[in-house]
Each structure stands twice: as structure tokens, then as C-alpha cells.
């Protein structure tokens, strides 16, 4: 399924997809940034090599994002002992967050802003999350990932996602109904076979053998 409201722009110096045509994040901790190119600025890391380059000893090219373009960023690492593996400049994220191990089924979630025991909200009712540009303080660690945490809804700007969620819900309902019907069918077959077997036993009939098959079609 293609990404919603997203356009692929760069991979190893090219605009085309790489060897793996899906978005995968590192299980050892990824670094993420949300950025916006200013109006009138031509940010093209494919055509303009000033916006791309290699990272450390890695040979593949990465896109460069000027710090002034970044709206928010979070540094994720394997665990707290990997502080020397930090990549994002402290100017946009002074800390880091982690879950402690790989393939553990846990995640991180940004903390809510609470004042005098009340959760802060915007005028439109949207929740306000803590953002001090320090992921060590701004995120809760080791939480179980869930959809619509804090009962948040689908963003008003993303109608495609709403349609997708509704479709998935309807599909799950039909799948549950189908599984119940399949289970009922198997139970019915089992009861029929069991009844025939009991009937054969009650009639005193025997099972056929290779040497003496039943010629009369009995059980």
C-alpha cells in the first residue's frame, strides 16, 4: 500500500527507490526529523550536491537538511550506554531516548503537558505535548505501542487515512464472521462423523480390513 500524503525524494543520491522499496527503521535506534523547506527555496539533494553527502565511513549518500528547516527531531539509540552514538545536533535535540533492547515490542511516546494536574490543550481541543528539545526528558520510554493513544482522532487533513482505517475495521469484522462460520462448519462435520462412528459401534459392525472388506456397504 503506498504511503499516504508522502512523496519519495531521495535515496543514495537518486530520486528513485533503493533496493528495499519500503520504509524500514533501524532496530538499533533511528534518528528522525520533521522539516519544512522555506517558500522560494529550491532544496533538491539529488540535483544539488551541496545538500547531500556521505556519513562517516558509510559510502551511500544521505540528504542534508539545514538546521533552520527542522521543525522537530528525536534521537533514538539502542540504550543509555550508546550516548556516544548520537547523530542529531544538540541544538535541535540535546538528549536521546531508547527502549533498552531490540525486538522487544516496546516504544517511546512524547509526554503530555500537565499544569496543576490538568492536561493542557489548544483552543481546538488538541493535546499539547512536551517539547523542550531534549528527548531524554520529553519522552516516556518502554511503553506498549497503541493506535490513538490518549483517544486522539484522525487528523482533519488526512481523509485517506480515515478511509483506510474504516476499511481495515470492516475487513476485520468480515474476517471474524468468516472464521466463526468456518469453525461452525468444522464442528458440524465433526459431529456428523462422530455420530456415524457411534452408530457403527452401537450396531455391532466392524471396520473393514484388507482381507475382508465390507461387501454390503455397512459402516
C-alpha atoms as a PDB file:
ATOM      1  CA  UNK A   1       0.000   0.000   0.000  1.00  0.00           C
ATOM      2  CA  UNK A   2       1.525   3.370  -0.990  1.00  0.00           C
ATOM      3  CA  UNK A   3       2.333   5.927   1.689  1.00  0.00           C
ATOM      4  CA  UNK A   4      -0.400   8.473   2.344  1.00  0.00           C
ATOM      5  CA  UNK A   5       0.377  12.141   1.647  1.00  0.00           C
ATOM      6  CA  UNK A   6       4.077  11.353   1.188  1.00  0.00           C
ATOM      7  CA  UNK A   7       6.430  11.623  -1.789  1.00  0.00           C
ATOM      8  CA  UNK A   8       9.751   9.831  -2.078  1.00  0.00           C
ATOM      9  CA  UNK A   9      12.502  12.316  -2.979  1.00  0.00           C
ATOM     10  CA  UNK A  10      15.913  10.846  -2.144  1.00  0.00           C
ATOM     11  CA  UNK A  11      17.826   7.593  -1.694  1.00  0.00           C
ATOM     12  CA  UNK A  12      21.618   7.342  -2.088  1.00  0.00           C
ATOM     13  CA  UNK A  13      21.830  10.314  -4.416  1.00  0.00           C
ATOM     14  CA  UNK A  14      18.817   9.372  -6.550  1.00  0.00           C
ATOM     15  CA  UNK A  15      15.107  10.153  -6.522  1.00  0.00           C
ATOM     16  CA  UNK A  16      14.172   6.513  -7.238  1.00  0.00           C
ATOM     17  CA  UNK A  17      13.587   3.883  -4.569  1.00  0.00           C
ATOM     18  CA  UNK A  18      16.532   1.826  -3.366  1.00  0.00           C
ATOM     19  CA  UNK A  19      16.853  -1.946  -3.181  1.00  0.00           C
ATOM     20  CA  UNK A  20      14.168  -2.177  -0.488  1.00  0.00           C
ATOM     21  CA  UNK A  21      11.059  -0.258  -1.662  1.00  0.00           C
ATOM     22  CA  UNK A  22       9.591   0.212   1.810  1.00  0.00           C
ATOM     23  CA  UNK A  23      10.393   2.417   4.780  1.00  0.00           C
ATOM     24  CA  UNK A  24      12.281   0.493   7.423  1.00  0.00           C
ATOM     25  CA  UNK A  25      13.743   1.873  10.627  1.00  0.00           C
ATOM     26  CA  UNK A  26      16.804   0.527  12.365  1.00  0.00           C
ATOM     27  CA  UNK A  27      16.155  -1.708  15.372  1.00  0.00           C
ATOM     28  CA  UNK A  28      19.293  -0.220  16.933  1.00  0.00           C
ATOM     29  CA  UNK A  29      17.791   3.272  17.121  1.00  0.00           C
ATOM     30  CA  UNK A  30      16.920   5.699  14.342  1.00  0.00           C
ATOM     31  CA  UNK A  31      17.135   9.467  14.147  1.00  0.00           C
ATOM     32  CA  UNK A  32      14.008  11.227  12.889  1.00  0.00           C
ATOM     33  CA  UNK A  33      13.344  14.812  11.852  1.00  0.00           C
ATOM     34  CA  UNK A  34      10.312  16.737  10.614  1.00  0.00           C
ATOM     35  CA  UNK A  35      11.350  19.669   8.450  1.00  0.00           C
ATOM     36  CA  UNK A  36       9.823  22.219   6.113  1.00  0.00           C
ATOM     37  CA  UNK A  37      11.568  23.847   3.190  1.00  0.00           C
ATOM     38  CA  UNK A  38      11.029  27.640   3.261  1.00  0.00           C
ATOM     39  CA  UNK A  39       8.952  29.144   0.490  1.00  0.00           C
ATOM     40  CA  UNK A  40      11.027  30.114  -2.523  1.00  0.00           C
ATOM     41  CA  UNK A  41      13.914  27.805  -1.600  1.00  0.00           C
ATOM     42  CA  UNK A  42      14.891  25.042  -4.020  1.00  0.00           C
ATOM     43  CA  UNK A  43      16.006  22.185  -1.747  1.00  0.00           C
ATOM     44  CA  UNK A  44      16.961  19.357  -4.113  1.00  0.00           C
ATOM     45  CA  UNK A  45      19.557  16.931  -2.714  1.00  0.00           C
ATOM     46  CA  UNK A  46      19.547  14.986  -5.997  1.00  0.00           C
ATOM     47  CA  UNK A  47      20.475  17.842  -8.342  1.00  0.00           C
ATOM     48  CA  UNK A  48      22.342  19.993  -5.824  1.00  0.00           C
ATOM     49  CA  UNK A  49      25.215  18.014  -4.255  1.00  0.00           C
ATOM     50  CA  UNK A  50      25.587  20.710  -1.587  1.00  0.00           C
ATOM     51  CA  UNK A  51      22.527  19.122   0.051  1.00  0.00           C
ATOM     52  CA  UNK A  52      23.918  15.550   0.088  1.00  0.00           C
ATOM     53  CA  UNK A  53      26.991  13.669   1.269  1.00  0.00           C
ATOM     54  CA  UNK A  54      28.308  10.524   2.953  1.00  0.00           C
ATOM     55  CA  UNK A  55      28.068   9.960   6.718  1.00  0.00           C
ATOM     56  CA  UNK A  56      31.218   8.833   8.479  1.00  0.00           C
ATOM     57  CA  UNK A  57      32.639   5.691   6.884  1.00  0.00           C
ATOM     58  CA  UNK A  58      29.407   4.863   5.046  1.00  0.00           C
ATOM     59  CA  UNK A  59      29.582   5.058   1.259  1.00  0.00           C
ATOM     60  CA  UNK A  60      25.916   5.681   0.462  1.00  0.00           C
ATOM     61  CA  UNK A  61      24.814   9.300   0.219  1.00  0.00           C
ATOM     62  CA  UNK A  62      22.483  10.976   2.718  1.00  0.00           C
ATOM     63  CA  UNK A  63      20.379  14.078   2.197  1.00  0.00           C
ATOM     64  CA  UNK A  64      21.475  17.109   4.213  1.00  0.00           C
ATOM     65  CA  UNK A  65      18.822  19.184   5.984  1.00  0.00           C
ATOM     66  CA  UNK A  66      19.773  22.707   7.124  1.00  0.00           C
ATOM     67  CA  UNK A  67      19.063  23.151  10.842  1.00  0.00           C
ATOM     68  CA  UNK A  68      16.785  26.127  10.194  1.00  0.00           C
ATOM     69  CA  UNK A  69      14.449  23.850   8.194  1.00  0.00           C
ATOM     70  CA  UNK A  70      13.874  21.438  11.111  1.00  0.00           C
ATOM     71  CA  UNK A  71      10.569  21.702  12.977  1.00  0.00           C
ATOM     72  CA  UNK A  72      11.197  18.833  15.381  1.00  0.00           C
ATOM     73  CA  UNK A  73      13.580  15.901  15.809  1.00  0.00           C
ATOM     74  CA  UNK A  74      14.110  12.921  18.065  1.00  0.00           C
ATOM     75  CA  UNK A  75      17.268  10.886  18.641  1.00  0.00           C
ATOM     76  CA  UNK A  76      16.690   7.187  19.317  1.00  0.00           C
ATOM     77  CA  UNK A  77      19.511   4.884  20.403  1.00  0.00           C
ATOM     78  CA  UNK A  78      19.786   1.239  21.457  1.00  0.00           C
ATOM     79  CA  UNK A  79      20.117   2.002  25.163  1.00  0.00           C
ATOM     80  CA  UNK A  80      21.533   4.615  27.521  1.00  0.00           C
ATOM     81  CA  UNK A  81      25.096   3.292  27.164  1.00  0.00           C
ATOM     82  CA  UNK A  82      25.171   4.358  23.497  1.00  0.00           C
ATOM     83  CA  UNK A  83      25.402   8.079  24.221  1.00  0.00           C
ATOM     84  CA  UNK A  84      28.488   8.355  22.001  1.00  0.00           C
ATOM     85  CA  UNK A  85      26.386   7.189  19.031  1.00  0.00           C
ATOM     86  CA  UNK A  86      24.334  10.397  18.969  1.00  0.00           C
ATOM     87  CA  UNK A  87      23.876  11.894  15.481  1.00  0.00           C
ATOM     88  CA  UNK A  88      21.398  14.769  15.774  1.00  0.00           C
ATOM     89  CA  UNK A  89      22.996  18.102  16.800  1.00  0.00           C
ATOM     90  CA  UNK A  90      22.263  19.185  20.366  1.00  0.00           C
ATOM     91  CA  UNK A  91      20.818  22.435  19.009  1.00  0.00           C
ATOM     92  CA  UNK A  92      17.648  20.577  17.959  1.00  0.00           C
ATOM     93  CA  UNK A  93      17.775  17.607  20.373  1.00  0.00           C
ATOM     94  CA  UNK A  94      20.006  17.855  23.420  1.00  0.00           C
ATOM     95  CA  UNK A  95      19.156  14.346  24.606  1.00  0.00           C
ATOM     96  CA  UNK A  96      18.103  10.934  23.358  1.00  0.00           C
ATOM     97  CA  UNK A  97      15.556   8.203  24.060  1.00  0.00           C
ATOM     98  CA  UNK A  98      15.581   4.387  23.963  1.00  0.00           C
ATOM     99  CA  UNK A  99      13.701   1.176  24.794  1.00  0.00           C
ATOM    100  CA  UNK A 100      16.698  -0.830  26.014  1.00  0.00           C
ATOM    101  CA  UNK A 101      16.763  -3.812  23.650  1.00  0.00           C
ATOM    102  CA  UNK A 102      15.890  -4.985  20.150  1.00  0.00           C
ATOM    103  CA  UNK A 103      12.668  -6.738  19.063  1.00  0.00           C
ATOM    104  CA  UNK A 104      11.071  -6.178  22.460  1.00  0.00           C
ATOM    105  CA  UNK A 105       7.731  -4.841  21.200  1.00  0.00           C
ATOM    106  CA  UNK A 106       8.116  -1.567  23.086  1.00  0.00           C
ATOM    107  CA  UNK A 107       8.338   2.059  22.008  1.00  0.00           C
ATOM    108  CA  UNK A 108       8.551   5.649  23.139  1.00  0.00           C
ATOM    109  CA  UNK A 109       5.837   8.284  23.364  1.00  0.00           C
ATOM    110  CA  UNK A 110       6.022  12.026  23.879  1.00  0.00           C
ATOM    111  CA  UNK A 111       4.832  13.223  27.296  1.00  0.00           C
ATOM    112  CA  UNK A 112       1.724  15.343  27.747  1.00  0.00           C
ATOM    113  CA  UNK A 113       2.000  18.877  29.090  1.00  0.00           C
ATOM    114  CA  UNK A 114       0.373  18.943  32.533  1.00  0.00           C
ATOM    115  CA  UNK A 115      -0.161  22.026  34.643  1.00  0.00           C
ATOM    116  CA  UNK A 116      -1.741  21.972  38.128  1.00  0.00           C
ATOM    117  CA  UNK A 117      -2.868  18.423  37.484  1.00  0.00           C
ATOM    118  CA  UNK A 118      -4.685  19.307  34.243  1.00  0.00           C
ATOM    119  CA  UNK A 119      -3.636  18.252  30.735  1.00  0.00           C
ATOM    120  CA  UNK A 120      -3.031  21.318  28.607  1.00  0.00           C
ATOM    121  CA  UNK A 121      -4.967  21.653  25.358  1.00  0.00           C
ATOM    122  CA  UNK A 122      -5.169  24.093  22.484  1.00  0.00           C
ATOM    123  CA  UNK A 123      -8.304  26.114  21.725  1.00  0.00           C
ATOM    124  CA  UNK A 124      -9.477  23.429  19.283  1.00  0.00           C
ATOM    125  CA  UNK A 125      -9.109  20.724  21.954  1.00  0.00           C
ATOM    126  CA  UNK A 126      -5.856  19.277  20.604  1.00  0.00           C
ATOM    127  CA  UNK A 127      -3.477  17.975  23.241  1.00  0.00           C
ATOM    128  CA  UNK A 128      -0.221  19.828  23.902  1.00  0.00           C
ATOM    129  CA  UNK A 129       2.843  17.625  24.158  1.00  0.00           C
ATOM    130  CA  UNK A 130       6.075  18.395  25.937  1.00  0.00           C
ATOM    131  CA  UNK A 131       8.817  19.694  23.655  1.00  0.00           C
ATOM    132  CA  UNK A 132      11.942  21.058  25.296  1.00  0.00           C
ATOM    133  CA  UNK A 133      14.255  19.834  22.501  1.00  0.00           C
ATOM    134  CA  UNK A 134      15.556  17.152  24.856  1.00  0.00           C
ATOM    135  CA  UNK A 135      14.307  13.650  24.072  1.00  0.00           C
ATOM    136  CA  UNK A 136      15.610  12.292  27.374  1.00  0.00           C
ATOM    137  CA  UNK A 137      13.066  14.446  29.216  1.00  0.00           C
ATOM    138  CA  UNK A 138      10.317  14.731  26.600  1.00  0.00           C
ATOM    139  CA  UNK A 139       9.556  11.031  26.048  1.00  0.00           C
ATOM    140  CA  UNK A 140       8.248   8.146  28.112  1.00  0.00           C
ATOM    141  CA  UNK A 141      10.276   5.009  27.409  1.00  0.00           C
ATOM    142  CA  UNK A 142       9.379   1.320  27.271  1.00  0.00           C
ATOM    143  CA  UNK A 143       5.671   1.789  26.509  1.00  0.00           C
ATOM    144  CA  UNK A 144       3.491  -0.592  24.504  1.00  0.00           C
ATOM    145  CA  UNK A 145       2.638   0.950  21.093  1.00  0.00           C
ATOM    146  CA  UNK A 146      -1.090   1.561  20.540  1.00  0.00           C
ATOM    147  CA  UNK A 147      -3.203   3.373  17.974  1.00  0.00           C
ATOM    148  CA  UNK A 148      -4.910   6.609  19.006  1.00  0.00           C
ATOM    149  CA  UNK A 149      -3.175   6.939  22.351  1.00  0.00           C
ATOM    150  CA  UNK A 150      -4.950   9.448  24.623  1.00  0.00           C
ATOM    151  CA  UNK A 151      -8.078   8.920  22.440  1.00  0.00           C
ATOM    152  CA  UNK A 152      -6.732  11.137  19.678  1.00  0.00           C
ATOM    153  CA  UNK A 153      -8.606  11.064  16.383  1.00  0.00           C
ATOM    154  CA  UNK A 154      -7.571  11.070  12.743  1.00  0.00           C
ATOM    155  CA  UNK A 155      -6.129  14.440  11.628  1.00  0.00           C
ATOM    156  CA  UNK A 156      -8.655  16.538   9.706  1.00  0.00           C
ATOM    157  CA  UNK A 157      -6.179  16.952   6.863  1.00  0.00           C
ATOM    158  CA  UNK A 158      -5.822  13.227   6.284  1.00  0.00           C
ATOM    159  CA  UNK A 159      -9.048  11.875   4.814  1.00  0.00           C
ATOM    160  CA  UNK A 160      -7.281   8.974   3.090  1.00  0.00           C
ATOM    161  CA  UNK A 161      -6.100   7.635   6.434  1.00  0.00           C
ATOM    162  CA  UNK A 162      -9.656   7.768   7.781  1.00  0.00           C
ATOM    163  CA  UNK A 163     -10.921   5.760   4.806  1.00  0.00           C
ATOM    164  CA  UNK A 164      -8.091   3.257   5.271  1.00  0.00           C
ATOM    165  CA  UNK A 165      -8.889   2.807   8.980  1.00  0.00           C
ATOM    166  CA  UNK A 166     -12.587   2.293   8.224  1.00  0.00           C
ATOM    167  CA  UNK A 167     -11.753  -0.266   5.533  1.00  0.00           C
ATOM    168  CA  UNK A 168      -9.465  -2.154   7.921  1.00  0.00           C
ATOM    169  CA  UNK A 169     -12.199  -2.165  10.564  1.00  0.00           C
ATOM    170  CA  UNK A 170     -14.786  -3.546   8.128  1.00  0.00           C
ATOM    171  CA  UNK A 171     -12.279  -6.150   6.901  1.00  0.00           C
ATOM    172  CA  UNK A 172     -11.629  -7.316  10.468  1.00  0.00           C
ATOM    173  CA  UNK A 173     -15.367  -7.670  11.130  1.00  0.00           C
ATOM    174  CA  UNK A 174     -15.888  -9.762   7.981  1.00  0.00           C
ATOM    175  CA  UNK A 175     -12.816 -11.847   8.860  1.00  0.00           C
ATOM    176  CA  UNK A 176     -14.229 -12.578  12.323  1.00  0.00           C
ATOM    177  CA  UNK A 177     -17.582 -13.587  10.805  1.00  0.00           C
ATOM    178  CA  UNK A 178     -15.855 -15.842   8.253  1.00  0.00           C
ATOM    179  CA  UNK A 179     -13.746 -17.522  10.943  1.00  0.00           C
ATOM    180  CA  UNK A 180     -16.868 -18.199  13.027  1.00  0.00           C
ATOM    181  CA  UNK A 181     -18.585 -19.798  10.007  1.00  0.00           C
ATOM    182  CA  UNK A 182     -15.528 -21.951   9.262  1.00  0.00           C
ATOM    183  CA  UNK A 183     -15.370 -23.054  12.899  1.00  0.00           C
ATOM    184  CA  UNK A 184     -19.101 -23.868  12.858  1.00  0.00           C
ATOM    185  CA  UNK A 185     -18.660 -25.905   9.640  1.00  0.00           C
ATOM    186  CA  UNK A 186     -15.807 -27.957  11.088  1.00  0.00           C
ATOM    187  CA  UNK A 187     -17.804 -28.588  14.275  1.00  0.00           C
ATOM    188  CA  UNK A 188     -20.777 -29.756  12.207  1.00  0.00           C
ATOM    189  CA  UNK A 189     -18.573 -32.154  10.212  1.00  0.00           C
ATOM    190  CA  UNK A 190     -17.036 -33.454  13.424  1.00  0.00           C
ATOM    191  CA  UNK A 191     -20.454 -34.127  14.973  1.00  0.00           C
ATOM    192  CA  UNK A 192     -21.641 -35.932  11.839  1.00  0.00           C
ATOM    193  CA  UNK A 193     -18.557 -38.165  11.718  1.00  0.00           C
ATOM    194  CA  UNK A 194     -18.724 -38.795  15.466  1.00  0.00           C
ATOM    195  CA  UNK A 195     -22.425 -39.728  15.217  1.00  0.00           C
ATOM    196  CA  UNK A 196     -21.764 -42.177  12.375  1.00  0.00           C
ATOM    197  CA  UNK A 197     -18.934 -43.759  14.329  1.00  0.00           C
ATOM    198  CA  UNK A 198     -21.116 -44.180  17.410  1.00  0.00           C
ATOM    199  CA  UNK A 199     -23.882 -45.624  15.281  1.00  0.00           C
ATOM    200  CA  UNK A 200     -21.498 -48.204  13.838  1.00  0.00           C
ATOM    201  CA  UNK A 201     -20.400 -49.214  17.324  1.00  0.00           C
ATOM    202  CA  UNK A 202     -23.971 -49.485  18.553  1.00  0.00           C
ATOM    203  CA  UNK A 203     -24.904 -51.643  15.559  1.00  0.00           C
ATOM    204  CA  UNK A 204     -22.045 -54.030  16.373  1.00  0.00           C
ATOM    205  CA  UNK A 205     -20.499 -53.619  12.947  1.00  0.00           C
ATOM    206  CA  UNK A 206     -16.778 -53.756  12.423  1.00  0.00           C
ATOM    207  CA  UNK A 207     -14.277 -51.857  10.370  1.00  0.00           C
ATOM    208  CA  UNK A 208     -13.261 -53.282   7.002  1.00  0.00           C
ATOM    209  CA  UNK A 209      -9.816 -54.854   6.568  1.00  0.00           C
ATOM    210  CA  UNK A 210      -7.700 -55.513   3.513  1.00  0.00           C
ATOM    211  CA  UNK A 211      -8.574 -59.202   3.642  1.00  0.00           C
ATOM    212  CA  UNK A 212     -12.255 -58.873   4.432  1.00  0.00           C
ATOM    213  CA  UNK A 213     -13.777 -55.649   3.074  1.00  0.00           C
ATOM    214  CA  UNK A 214     -17.431 -54.921   3.602  1.00  0.00           C
ATOM    215  CA  UNK A 215     -19.287 -56.000   0.512  1.00  0.00           C
ATOM    216  CA  UNK A 216     -22.627 -54.849   1.761  1.00  0.00           C
ATOM    217  CA  UNK A 217     -21.717 -51.178   2.258  1.00  0.00           C
ATOM    218  CA  UNK A 218     -22.119 -51.258   6.019  1.00  0.00           C
ATOM    219  CA  UNK A 219     -20.355 -48.735   8.317  1.00  0.00           C
END
